[in-house]
Protein backbone atom coordinates (compact mmCIF):
# COMPACT_ATOMS: atom_id res chain seq x y z
CA MET A 1 -31.36 17.02 10.22
CA THR A 2 -27.94 16.87 8.47
CA TRP A 3 -25.18 18.95 10.60
CA LEU A 4 -21.99 18.43 9.23
CA GLY A 5 -21.64 17.73 5.13
CA VAL A 6 -18.21 16.18 4.09
CA ILE A 7 -16.20 15.46 1.04
CA ALA A 8 -13.81 13.18 1.66
CA ASP A 9 -10.88 12.57 -1.09
CA ASP A 10 -11.13 8.86 -1.04
CA VAL A 11 -13.22 6.02 0.36
CA THR A 12 -11.30 5.10 3.69
CA GLY A 13 -10.71 8.46 4.46
CA ALA A 14 -14.89 8.80 4.57
CA CYS A 15 -14.97 5.61 6.74
CA ASP A 16 -12.34 6.83 8.99
CA LEU A 17 -14.53 9.83 9.91
CA ALA A 18 -17.51 8.79 9.49
CA GLY A 19 -16.55 5.79 12.45
CA VAL A 20 -15.22 8.11 14.42
CA VAL A 21 -17.84 10.73 14.31
CA THR A 22 -20.26 7.93 14.77
CA ALA A 23 -18.75 6.83 18.03
CA ALA A 24 -18.58 10.38 19.44
CA GLY A 25 -22.35 10.28 19.00
CA LEU A 26 -23.19 11.87 15.47
CA PRO A 27 -24.96 9.19 13.36
CA ALA A 28 -23.09 9.08 10.01
CA THR A 29 -23.51 7.51 6.25
CA VAL A 30 -21.40 7.70 3.37
CA LEU A 31 -22.18 7.72 -0.01
CA LEU A 32 -19.74 6.15 -2.28
CA GLY A 33 -19.08 8.22 -5.36
CA PRO A 34 -20.11 11.55 -6.97
CA PRO A 35 -24.10 12.02 -5.93
CA GLN A 36 -26.23 10.63 -8.99
CA PRO A 37 -29.76 11.78 -9.33
CA GLY A 38 -32.30 10.16 -6.73
CA ASP A 39 -29.72 9.92 -4.21
CA GLU A 40 -30.61 10.77 -0.43
CA PRO A 41 -28.25 10.76 2.53
CA ALA A 42 -29.55 7.62 4.61
CA PRO A 43 -32.40 8.48 7.28
CA GLY A 44 -31.39 9.54 10.68
CA ALA A 45 -27.67 10.60 9.51
CA GLU A 46 -26.75 13.68 11.04
CA CYS A 47 -23.40 13.66 9.25
CA ALA A 48 -23.28 12.65 5.64
CA VAL A 49 -20.04 12.18 3.80
CA VAL A 50 -19.78 11.73 0.09
CA ALA A 51 -16.54 9.68 -0.56
CA LEU A 52 -14.78 10.75 -3.74
CA ALA A 53 -11.61 9.21 -5.71
CA SER A 54 -10.19 12.86 -5.95
CA ARG A 55 -7.11 12.53 -4.14
CA THR A 56 -4.61 11.62 -7.02
CA ALA A 57 -7.16 12.84 -9.55
CA PRO A 58 -6.82 15.67 -12.15
CA ALA A 59 -7.02 19.13 -10.00
CA ASP A 60 -9.87 20.02 -12.82
CA ASP A 61 -11.62 16.93 -12.10
CA ALA A 62 -10.99 16.91 -8.25
CA VAL A 63 -12.55 20.55 -7.89
CA ALA A 64 -15.64 19.37 -10.35
CA TRP A 65 -16.42 16.49 -8.17
CA SER A 66 -15.96 18.40 -4.77
CA VAL A 67 -18.09 21.08 -5.73
CA ALA A 68 -20.91 19.08 -6.88
CA ALA A 69 -20.68 16.83 -3.67
CA GLY A 70 -20.58 20.08 -1.74
CA GLN A 71 -23.82 21.74 -3.51
CA TRP A 72 -25.26 18.01 -2.90
CA LEU A 73 -24.91 18.28 0.83
CA LEU A 74 -26.16 22.04 1.05
CA ASP A 75 -29.30 20.93 -0.61
CA HIS A 76 -29.91 17.98 1.91
CA GLY A 77 -29.75 20.30 4.71
CA ALA A 78 -25.88 20.46 5.69
CA GLN A 79 -25.27 23.03 7.81
CA ARG A 80 -21.47 23.33 7.82
CA LEU A 81 -19.33 21.90 4.91
CA TYR A 82 -16.04 19.82 5.88
CA GLN A 83 -13.37 19.01 3.25
CA LYS A 84 -11.41 15.97 4.67
CA TYR A 85 -8.07 14.91 3.60
CA CYS A 86 -5.56 12.74 4.71
CA SER A 87 -3.95 12.89 8.13
CA THR A 88 -0.61 12.62 6.59
CA PHE A 89 -1.82 15.28 4.22
CA ASP A 90 -0.99 13.05 1.36
CA SER A 91 -0.93 14.86 -2.17
CA THR A 92 0.51 14.46 -5.64
CA LYS A 93 2.95 17.08 -6.91
CA ASP A 94 0.30 19.13 -8.69
CA GLY A 95 -2.38 18.65 -5.24
CA THR A 96 -5.88 18.86 -5.09
CA ILE A 97 -6.02 19.57 -1.35
CA GLY A 98 -5.47 23.41 -2.38
CA PRO A 99 -7.82 23.42 -5.23
CA VAL A 100 -10.31 22.18 -3.93
CA ALA A 101 -10.22 24.10 -0.60
CA ASP A 102 -10.27 27.58 -3.01
CA ALA A 103 -13.70 26.07 -4.70
CA LEU A 104 -15.48 24.48 -1.08
CA ALA A 105 -14.41 27.93 0.65
CA ASP A 106 -16.14 29.90 -2.56
CA LEU A 107 -19.10 27.88 -2.03
CA THR A 108 -19.54 28.37 1.34
CA GLY A 109 -19.37 32.00 0.55
CA THR A 110 -16.41 32.90 3.10
CA GLY A 111 -13.72 32.64 0.94
CA SER A 112 -12.22 31.02 3.79
CA SER A 113 -11.09 27.60 5.37
CA VAL A 114 -9.69 26.51 8.81
CA GLY A 115 -8.39 23.13 9.87
CA THR A 116 -5.86 20.84 10.54
CA PRO A 117 -4.94 16.98 9.57
CA ALA A 118 -4.03 16.46 13.37
CA THR A 119 -5.71 13.11 14.70
CA PRO A 120 -3.99 12.11 17.61
CA ALA A 121 -5.38 8.61 18.57
CA VAL A 122 -3.53 7.63 15.47
CA GLY A 123 -0.24 9.01 16.06
CA ARG A 124 -0.97 12.33 13.70
CA THR A 125 0.06 16.11 15.30
CA VAL A 126 1.07 19.03 14.09
CA TYR A 127 3.43 21.75 15.74
CA GLN A 128 4.77 24.87 14.27
CA GLY A 129 2.76 23.66 11.37
CA HIS A 130 4.85 21.00 10.98
CA LEU A 131 3.34 17.22 10.89
CA PHE A 132 4.55 14.78 12.69
CA VAL A 133 3.73 10.64 12.29
CA ASP A 134 4.28 8.81 15.48
CA GLY A 135 6.71 11.52 17.01
CA ARG A 136 8.66 11.86 13.73
CA LEU A 137 8.40 14.52 10.85
CA LEU A 138 6.39 13.47 8.04
CA SER A 139 9.56 13.45 5.78
CA GLU A 140 11.23 11.00 8.00
CA SER A 141 8.06 8.51 8.12
CA PRO A 142 7.18 5.67 6.13
CA LEU A 143 5.08 8.19 4.32
CA ARG A 144 7.79 9.28 2.44
CA ASP A 145 7.78 6.21 0.24
CA HIS A 146 4.08 6.17 -0.56
CA PRO A 147 3.61 5.00 -4.25
CA LEU A 148 1.14 7.50 -5.59
CA THR A 149 1.79 10.70 -2.84
CA PRO A 150 5.24 10.09 -1.29
CA MET A 151 5.17 12.90 1.12
CA THR A 152 8.78 14.92 1.53
CA ASP A 153 8.13 17.77 3.21
CA PRO A 154 6.60 18.67 6.78
CA ASP A 155 5.78 22.04 6.40
CA LEU A 156 2.02 22.14 5.92
CA ALA A 157 2.07 25.65 5.09
CA ARG A 158 4.67 25.31 2.30
CA VAL A 159 2.85 22.27 0.89
CA LEU A 160 -0.64 23.99 0.52
CA GLY A 161 0.83 27.66 -0.42
CA ALA A 162 2.61 25.77 -3.27
CA GLN A 163 -1.31 24.59 -4.48
CA THR A 164 -3.40 27.63 -4.14
CA PRO A 165 -2.90 31.37 -4.55
CA ARG A 166 -4.85 32.31 -1.73
CA PRO A 167 -2.17 33.47 1.37
CA VAL A 168 -2.10 30.24 4.12
CA ALA A 169 -1.41 31.11 7.87
CA VAL A 170 -0.46 28.99 10.56
CA VAL A 171 -1.90 28.91 14.28
CA PRO A 172 1.05 27.97 16.63
CA TRP A 173 0.21 25.55 19.38
CA PRO A 174 2.36 28.19 21.62
CA THR A 175 -0.28 30.94 21.07
CA PHE A 176 -3.01 29.12 22.47
CA GLY A 177 -1.85 25.89 24.49
CA GLY A 178 -2.60 26.00 28.09
CA ARG A 179 -3.60 29.72 27.89
CA ALA A 180 -6.37 30.93 29.66
CA ASP A 181 -7.39 33.18 26.71
CA ALA A 182 -7.04 30.06 24.42
CA PRO A 183 -10.50 30.61 22.35
CA ALA A 184 -10.20 34.10 22.23
CA SER A 185 -6.38 33.87 20.59
CA VAL A 186 -7.90 31.10 18.08
CA ARG A 187 -10.71 32.98 16.99
CA ARG A 188 -8.23 36.45 16.58
CA GLN A 189 -5.95 34.25 14.36
CA VAL A 190 -8.58 32.90 12.06
CA ALA A 191 -10.32 36.41 11.91
CA ALA A 192 -6.84 37.52 11.00
CA ALA A 193 -6.23 35.71 8.17
CA ALA A 194 -9.88 35.95 6.27
CA GLY A 195 -10.07 35.05 2.74
CA GLY A 196 -7.23 32.93 2.93
CA HIS A 197 -6.84 29.13 4.70
CA VAL A 198 -5.55 28.52 8.34
CA LEU A 199 -3.85 25.26 9.76
CA LEU A 200 -4.19 24.78 13.32
CA ASP A 201 -1.42 22.98 15.50
CA ALA A 202 -3.06 20.35 17.68
CA ILE A 203 -0.80 17.72 19.32
CA THR A 204 -3.95 16.75 21.98
CA ASP A 205 -7.20 15.55 21.71
CA ALA A 206 -8.11 18.61 24.30
CA ASP A 207 -6.81 20.77 21.42
CA LEU A 208 -8.79 19.26 18.86
CA ASP A 209 -11.98 19.94 21.21
CA LEU A 210 -10.68 23.64 21.66
CA HIS A 211 -10.52 24.13 17.92
CA ALA A 212 -13.88 22.19 17.86
CA THR A 213 -15.57 24.91 19.87
CA THR A 214 -13.91 27.66 18.91
CA LEU A 215 -15.09 27.14 15.28
CA PHE A 216 -18.48 25.71 16.23
CA GLU A 217 -20.29 28.62 15.42
CA GLY A 218 -18.75 29.92 12.14
CA ASP A 219 -19.56 29.71 8.65
CA GLU A 220 -16.05 29.03 7.14
CA LEU A 221 -15.05 25.85 5.39
CA LEU A 222 -14.17 23.18 7.72
CA GLY A 223 -11.17 20.87 6.98
CA GLY A 224 -8.79 18.38 7.87
CA ALA A 225 -9.17 14.90 9.04
CA SER A 226 -11.27 12.75 11.31
CA GLY A 227 -9.40 14.32 14.31
CA LEU A 228 -11.09 17.86 14.33
CA ALA A 229 -14.41 15.96 13.05
CA ALA A 230 -14.63 14.24 15.92
CA GLY A 231 -13.99 17.14 18.31
CA LEU A 232 -17.02 18.65 16.36
CA ALA A 233 -19.13 15.47 16.87
CA ARG A 234 -18.05 15.89 20.58
CA ARG A 235 -19.30 19.17 20.52
CA TYR A 236 -22.18 18.51 18.83
CA ALA A 237 -23.32 15.72 20.83
CA THR A 238 -22.89 17.78 24.11
CA LEU A 239 -25.20 20.16 22.70
CA ALA A 240 -27.57 18.54 21.68
CA GLY A 241 -27.65 16.48 25.38
CA ARG A 242 -26.63 13.21 24.24
CA ALA A 243 -23.41 11.21 25.84
CA PRO A 244 -20.39 11.78 23.63
CA GLY A 245 -18.86 8.52 22.58
CA SER A 246 -22.78 6.70 22.84
CA GLY A 247 -21.65 5.26 19.80
CA PRO A 248 -23.61 3.82 16.65
CA SER A 249 -26.64 2.17 16.26
CA PRO A 250 -26.46 -1.97 16.00
CA LEU A 251 -25.99 -2.72 12.05
CA PRO A 252 -28.28 -5.09 10.58
CA ASP A 253 -27.14 -8.74 10.75
CA VAL A 254 -25.24 -10.23 7.24
CA ASP A 255 -25.32 -13.47 6.31
CA SER A 256 -21.72 -15.23 7.31
CA GLY A 257 -22.10 -18.48 5.47
CA GLY A 258 -20.53 -17.68 2.27
CA GLY A 259 -16.71 -16.66 3.99
CA ARG A 260 -14.94 -14.09 4.66
CA VAL A 261 -12.33 -12.55 2.11
CA VAL A 262 -9.70 -9.90 2.93
CA LEU A 263 -8.40 -7.86 -0.36
CA ALA A 264 -5.27 -6.22 0.36
CA GLY A 265 -4.16 -3.65 -2.14
CA SER A 266 -1.97 -1.23 -0.12
CA CYS A 267 1.95 -1.41 0.26
CA SER A 268 2.26 0.75 3.07
CA ARG A 269 4.09 -0.92 6.04
CA ARG A 270 1.48 -1.26 8.18
CA THR A 271 -0.67 -3.63 5.62
CA ARG A 272 2.35 -5.42 5.21
CA GLU A 273 2.97 -6.16 8.64
CA GLN A 274 -0.74 -6.92 9.03
CA ILE A 275 -0.12 -9.24 6.02
CA ALA A 276 2.49 -11.19 7.91
CA ALA A 277 0.50 -11.90 10.76
CA PHE A 278 -2.34 -13.17 9.07
CA GLY A 279 -1.97 -16.98 9.67
CA GLY A 280 -4.67 -18.31 6.91
CA PRO A 281 -4.60 -19.12 3.24
CA VAL A 282 -2.95 -16.30 1.00
CA VAL A 283 -3.34 -15.68 -2.61
CA ARG A 284 -0.51 -13.64 -3.94
CA ILE A 285 -1.23 -11.83 -7.32
CA GLY A 286 1.75 -10.59 -9.31
CA VAL A 287 1.73 -6.99 -11.20
CA ASP A 288 4.12 -8.59 -13.74
CA ASP A 289 2.27 -11.71 -14.20
CA LEU A 290 -0.94 -8.80 -14.53
CA ALA A 291 1.20 -6.77 -16.88
CA ALA A 292 2.24 -9.72 -19.24
CA ASP A 293 -1.56 -11.41 -19.25
CA PRO A 294 -4.56 -9.33 -17.11
CA ALA A 295 -7.48 -11.83 -17.75
CA ARG A 296 -5.25 -15.36 -16.92
CA THR A 297 -3.52 -14.21 -14.12
CA VAL A 298 -7.28 -12.70 -12.55
CA SER A 299 -8.79 -16.13 -13.52
CA ALA A 300 -6.42 -18.01 -11.65
CA ALA A 301 -6.37 -15.72 -8.48
CA ILE A 302 -9.95 -16.28 -8.32
CA ALA A 303 -9.61 -20.10 -8.87
CA ALA A 304 -6.91 -19.91 -6.33
CA ALA A 305 -9.63 -17.68 -3.63
CA LEU A 306 -12.44 -19.82 -4.54
CA THR A 307 -10.35 -23.19 -3.58
CA ALA A 308 -9.11 -21.70 -0.59
CA LEU A 309 -12.49 -20.62 0.57
CA ARG A 310 -14.10 -24.08 0.19
CA SER A 311 -11.29 -25.83 1.91
CA ALA A 312 -10.90 -23.19 4.48
CA ASP A 313 -13.30 -24.19 7.34
CA GLY A 314 -14.62 -20.82 7.76
CA SER A 315 -11.11 -19.14 7.90
CA PRO A 316 -10.46 -15.78 6.32
CA VAL A 317 -8.80 -15.81 2.85
CA LEU A 318 -6.52 -13.09 2.14
CA VAL A 319 -6.09 -12.56 -1.68
CA THR A 320 -3.10 -9.28 -2.15
CA THR A 321 -1.38 -7.20 -4.62
CA SER A 322 0.66 -5.73 -1.73
CA LEU A 323 4.60 -5.39 -2.46
CA ASP A 324 7.46 -4.30 -0.15
CA PRO A 325 9.18 -0.52 -1.18
CA GLN A 326 12.05 -1.98 -2.77
CA GLU A 327 10.04 -4.39 -5.13
CA LEU A 328 7.26 -1.93 -5.67
CA ARG A 329 9.79 0.62 -7.20
CA ARG A 330 11.38 -2.13 -9.46
CA VAL A 331 7.52 -3.16 -10.62
CA GLN A 332 6.94 0.77 -11.14
CA GLU A 333 10.29 1.47 -13.16
CA ARG A 334 9.08 -1.60 -15.39
CA HIS A 335 5.27 -0.61 -15.70
CA GLY A 336 4.79 2.59 -14.57
CA ARG A 337 3.41 4.22 -11.63
CA ASP A 338 -0.31 4.85 -12.62
CA ARG A 339 -0.19 1.49 -14.92
CA SER A 340 1.01 -0.66 -11.57
CA ALA A 341 -1.59 0.66 -9.41
CA ARG A 342 -4.64 0.18 -12.18
CA LEU A 343 -3.93 -2.99 -12.76
CA ALA A 344 -3.50 -4.36 -8.60
CA GLU A 345 -6.77 -2.39 -8.05
CA ASP A 346 -8.78 -3.67 -10.90
CA ALA A 347 -7.48 -7.21 -10.12
CA LEU A 348 -8.72 -7.10 -6.73
CA ALA A 349 -11.95 -5.60 -7.86
CA ASP A 350 -12.28 -8.64 -10.11
CA VAL A 351 -11.74 -11.03 -7.27
CA ALA A 352 -14.36 -9.08 -4.87
CA ARG A 353 -16.68 -9.44 -7.75
CA ALA A 354 -15.96 -13.25 -7.98
CA VAL A 355 -15.89 -14.05 -4.50
CA VAL A 356 -19.42 -11.90 -3.81
CA GLU A 357 -20.83 -13.78 -6.99
CA ALA A 358 -20.15 -16.86 -4.99
CA GLY A 359 -21.75 -15.98 -1.77
CA VAL A 360 -19.29 -14.01 0.29
CA ARG A 361 -21.00 -11.34 2.21
CA ARG A 362 -18.24 -9.99 4.36
CA LEU A 363 -15.00 -8.46 3.31
CA ILE A 364 -11.99 -6.55 4.83
CA VAL A 365 -10.39 -4.18 2.33
CA ALA A 366 -7.03 -2.84 2.77
CA GLY A 367 -6.02 0.96 0.68
CA GLY A 368 -7.90 3.98 -0.44
CA GLU A 369 -7.70 3.46 -4.00
CA THR A 370 -8.21 -0.49 -3.47
CA SER A 371 -11.55 0.31 -1.50
CA GLY A 372 -12.75 2.42 -4.20
CA ALA A 373 -12.26 0.01 -7.19
CA VAL A 374 -13.59 -2.51 -5.14
CA THR A 375 -17.00 -0.86 -4.03
CA ARG A 376 -17.43 0.32 -7.56
CA ALA A 377 -16.79 -3.32 -9.29
CA LEU A 378 -19.58 -4.47 -6.37
CA GLY A 379 -22.27 -1.46 -7.25
CA VAL A 380 -22.19 -0.20 -3.52
CA ARG A 381 -23.47 3.16 -3.23
CA GLN A 382 -23.80 4.00 0.16
CA VAL A 383 -22.50 2.45 3.37
CA VAL A 384 -24.21 3.04 7.05
CA ILE A 385 -21.65 2.87 9.93
CA GLY A 386 -20.89 0.65 12.55
CA ASP A 387 -18.38 -0.49 15.10
CA GLN A 388 -14.92 0.49 14.78
CA VAL A 389 -11.97 -2.34 15.27
CA ALA A 390 -9.63 0.26 15.68
CA PRO A 391 -9.72 4.10 15.63
CA GLY A 392 -10.54 5.15 12.15
CA VAL A 393 -11.68 1.40 11.14
CA PRO A 394 -15.49 1.08 11.17
CA TRP A 395 -17.15 -1.78 10.19
CA THR A 396 -20.11 -0.65 7.27
CA VAL A 397 -22.86 -2.19 6.02
CA SER A 398 -24.13 -1.41 2.37
CA ALA A 399 -27.64 -0.25 2.17
CA GLY A 400 -29.60 -1.84 -0.64
CA PRO A 401 -30.91 -5.12 -1.71
CA MET A 402 -27.86 -7.10 -0.76
CA ARG A 403 -26.43 -6.74 2.40
CA LEU A 404 -22.46 -6.82 2.39
CA ALA A 405 -20.35 -6.21 5.61
CA LEU A 406 -17.73 -4.04 4.44
CA LEU A 407 -14.42 -3.07 6.47
CA LEU A 408 -12.78 -0.15 4.08
CA LYS A 409 -9.17 0.39 6.10
CA SER A 410 -6.68 3.20 5.00
CA GLY A 411 -3.38 1.28 4.39
CA ASN A 412 -1.50 3.02 7.46
CA PHE A 413 -4.36 1.75 9.99
CA GLY A 414 -5.42 -0.95 12.27
CA PRO A 415 -3.40 -3.31 14.67
CA ALA A 416 -0.68 -5.73 13.01
CA ASP A 417 -3.60 -8.58 14.11
CA LEU A 418 -6.71 -6.69 12.03
CA PHE A 419 -7.08 -9.47 9.37
CA THR A 420 -7.74 -12.04 12.33
CA THR A 421 -9.37 -10.15 14.85
CA ALA A 422 -11.53 -8.00 13.01
CA TRP A 423 -14.07 -10.14 12.18
CA GLU A 424 -15.20 -10.44 16.03
CA VAL A 425 -17.09 -7.27 16.07
CA ALA A 426 -18.29 -7.90 12.50
CA PRO A 427 -22.00 -7.61 11.42
């Protein structure tokens, strides 16, 4: 039975959520891309996630894809719908979170949504409707320099209110934190905002567990990052009589004889730290070179990667287009933001296809847009979720005749040594 049906706005966010709910005791699967005729959730999945590339898409496209995914999930038995967006509320200037929330809330028949991006396990907290990243306001964090979705306003109600005509309310922490009547207080405030969108403060996992208990029996659209979903999974596991945190079932083994590859397209500070900490062979692809001669540049990168694989004696090989913020801005000024991103994503997707054709079956991919481009290039339609390397960073194995072990991670997630140590628990 599929209890929770999730519509995620990117691939790595989908895997993040699926990883934490699986670890909490709710087996999960991720369908990559809009559902197609004949698609079915993997057997045994109690949480089914559809991963879309809708975060930076035109709002009309994001709404159409999300509604189709939501209807598919309902048709396959989902009892609750959950809109997954980034824990840093990543959104373009025009924004897709609000329009998608409006449409999915209508699909539930309630016209209402309630949720929070708070995920304390990775340093995302919400207080008085303001989002903090590692204790700093969102606008003062590295997310202000995100190449596609720079986040310069920490006031979530203001950001969401600019994207929807419906009222946006905040349930502030002082109205429930530490209070004996906390569940009743939250319920009253959610009920008072019926017909609109409600954003919940949360600064600890205990707050998320409170919200999960309060919202578990409702019928409005749920939403947020992986933190609230993990709380819901813990609640579900408890009611089902299984031990929360029991973790995923073992994934099938994947052939490790063809080598290991890391593809890093994210320009986030954490991914750049992971690149700097990597001690193996590195192939760098320049966006300026791609703009001048994409075919020649990609061919050279593929040749360099394959040469490195042959001489690396089993060590992983890193292929990257990542840039520091200053150089990224210069590249975007020369070639345009969207074209620069597309050139980099397409190049890494081409490299992924070539190394898999050469026998590689285990890959780490850093960056949401990069992960979407790579999985599309490899024809991966669905993955099942395994062990987490770090909060929100699980290994997965692709469904289908050719098994691939894929770690698809948000650019901001994972320890600095991830590209070296993640292989220790790879399928």
